[in-house]
C-alpha atoms as a PDB file:
ATOM      1  CA  MET A   1       0.207  -5.559 -31.143  1.00  0.00           C
ATOM      2  CA  THR A   2      -1.517  -5.290 -28.086  1.00  0.00           C
ATOM      3  CA  ALA A   3      -1.488  -1.934 -26.021  1.00  0.00           C
ATOM      4  CA  THR A   4       0.298  -1.871 -22.758  1.00  0.00           C
ATOM      5  CA  PRO A   5      -2.161  -1.572 -19.916  1.00  0.00           C
ATOM      6  CA  ASP A   6      -1.114   1.458 -17.943  1.00  0.00           C
ATOM      7  CA  ILE A   7      -1.442   0.776 -14.202  1.00  0.00           C
ATOM      8  CA  ARG A   8       0.131   4.013 -12.951  1.00  0.00           C
ATOM      9  CA  PRO A   9       0.378   5.347 -10.338  1.00  0.00           C
ATOM     10  CA  VAL A  10       2.222   2.541  -8.580  1.00  0.00           C
ATOM     11  CA  GLY A  11       3.136   3.675  -5.176  1.00  0.00           C
ATOM     12  CA  ASP A  12       5.493   6.382  -5.119  1.00  0.00           C
ATOM     13  CA  LEU A  13       7.363   5.816  -8.304  1.00  0.00           C
ATOM     14  CA  PRO A  14       7.609   8.442 -10.871  1.00  0.00           C
ATOM     15  CA  HIS A  15       4.892   8.517 -13.486  1.00  0.00           C
ATOM     16  CA  ALA A  16       7.417   9.480 -16.056  1.00  0.00           C
ATOM     17  CA  THR A  17       9.411   5.866 -15.757  1.00  0.00           C
ATOM     18  CA  GLY A  18       6.511   4.711 -18.096  1.00  0.00           C
ATOM     19  CA  LYS A  19       3.939   2.118 -18.030  1.00  0.00           C
ATOM     20  CA  THR A  20       5.952  -0.678 -19.226  1.00  0.00           C
ATOM     21  CA  ALA A  21       8.739  -0.074 -16.355  1.00  0.00           C
ATOM     22  CA  ALA A  22       5.911   0.602 -13.921  1.00  0.00           C
ATOM     23  CA  ARG A  23       4.379  -2.575 -14.703  1.00  0.00           C
ATOM     24  CA  GLU A  24       7.197  -4.632 -14.343  1.00  0.00           C
ATOM     25  CA  LEU A  25       8.587  -3.142 -11.386  1.00  0.00           C
ATOM     26  CA  SER A  26       4.977  -3.721  -9.792  1.00  0.00           C
ATOM     27  CA  HIS A  27       5.423  -7.238 -11.007  1.00  0.00           C
ATOM     28  CA  ASN A  28       8.441  -7.666  -9.285  1.00  0.00           C
ATOM     29  CA  GLY A  29       7.441  -6.648  -6.148  1.00  0.00           C
ATOM     30  CA  ILE A  30       8.685  -2.922  -6.388  1.00  0.00           C
ATOM     31  CA  THR A  31       6.028  -0.506  -5.820  1.00  0.00           C
ATOM     32  CA  THR A  32       8.143   2.432  -3.701  1.00  0.00           C
ATOM     33  CA  LEU A  33      11.220   4.322  -4.004  1.00  0.00           C
ATOM     34  CA  ARG A  34      12.579   2.901  -0.884  1.00  0.00           C
ATOM     35  CA  GLN A  35      12.346  -0.674  -2.539  1.00  0.00           C
ATOM     36  CA  VAL A  36      13.742   0.834  -5.518  1.00  0.00           C
ATOM     37  CA  ALA A  37      16.967   1.831  -3.426  1.00  0.00           C
ATOM     38  CA  ALA A  38      17.085  -1.722  -2.076  1.00  0.00           C
ATOM     39  CA  HIS A  39      18.026  -2.864  -5.689  1.00  0.00           C
ATOM     40  CA  SER A  40      21.246  -2.257  -7.896  1.00  0.00           C
ATOM     41  CA  LYS A  41      21.003  -0.528 -11.165  1.00  0.00           C
ATOM     42  CA  ARG A  42      22.215  -3.553 -13.042  1.00  0.00           C
ATOM     43  CA  GLY A  43      19.458  -5.698 -11.013  1.00  0.00           C
ATOM     44  CA  LEU A  44      16.985  -3.276 -12.049  1.00  0.00           C
ATOM     45  CA  LEU A  45      18.019  -3.163 -15.824  1.00  0.00           C
ATOM     46  CA  ALA A  46      17.663  -7.055 -15.552  1.00  0.00           C
ATOM     47  CA  ILE A  47      13.871  -6.717 -15.483  1.00  0.00           C
ATOM     48  CA  HIS A  48      12.373  -6.977 -18.730  1.00  0.00           C
ATOM     49  CA  GLY A  49      10.734  -3.498 -19.619  1.00  0.00           C
ATOM     50  CA  VAL A  50      13.127  -1.369 -17.363  1.00  0.00           C
ATOM     51  CA  GLY A  51      15.812   0.577 -19.229  1.00  0.00           C
ATOM     52  CA  PRO A  52      18.180   3.366 -19.112  1.00  0.00           C
ATOM     53  CA  LYS A  53      15.495   6.047 -19.334  1.00  0.00           C
ATOM     54  CA  ALA A  54      13.631   4.556 -16.170  1.00  0.00           C
ATOM     55  CA  ILE A  55      16.808   4.186 -14.498  1.00  0.00           C
ATOM     56  CA  ARG A  56      17.652   7.800 -14.893  1.00  0.00           C
ATOM     57  CA  ILE A  57      14.171   9.099 -13.529  1.00  0.00           C
ATOM     58  CA  LEU A  58      14.514   6.847 -10.730  1.00  0.00           C
ATOM     59  CA  ASP A  59      17.893   7.960  -9.971  1.00  0.00           C
ATOM     60  CA  GLU A  60      16.636  11.226  -9.663  1.00  0.00           C
ATOM     61  CA  ALA A  61      13.491  10.614  -7.679  1.00  0.00           C
ATOM     62  CA  LEU A  62      15.772   8.560  -5.165  1.00  0.00           C
ATOM     63  CA  ALA A  63      18.218  11.778  -4.917  1.00  0.00           C
ATOM     64  CA  THR A  64      15.356  13.891  -3.929  1.00  0.00           C
ATOM     65  CA  MET A  65      14.513  11.581  -1.193  1.00  0.00           C
ATOM     66  CA  GLY A  66      18.523  11.451  -0.024  1.00  0.00           C
ATOM     67  CA  LEU A  67      18.448   7.763  -1.477  1.00  0.00           C
ATOM     68  CA  ASP A  68      20.438   5.901  -3.812  1.00  0.00           C
ATOM     69  CA  PHE A  69      20.470   2.553  -5.509  1.00  0.00           C
ATOM     70  CA  MET A  70      22.176  -0.373  -3.809  1.00  0.00           C
ATOM     71  CA  ASN A  71      25.884  -0.952  -4.850  1.00  0.00           C
ATOM     72  CA  SER A  72      26.218  -4.072  -7.226  1.00  0.00           C
END
């Protein structure tokens, strides 16, 4: 099994989201929390490597900026 490359930091995404989630978000053109807010939780969960833990971390980070996920 090959190691997942750690490309963090990615924009202003929280480091705690994990290297796989950060890489996959970046590959999908999502590198900032404002870009995260333009997506629904369901849409982000559909991205391989982005799971419930990453969504919780992103949710907390968005809340600190007064942002939220787009409604599904």
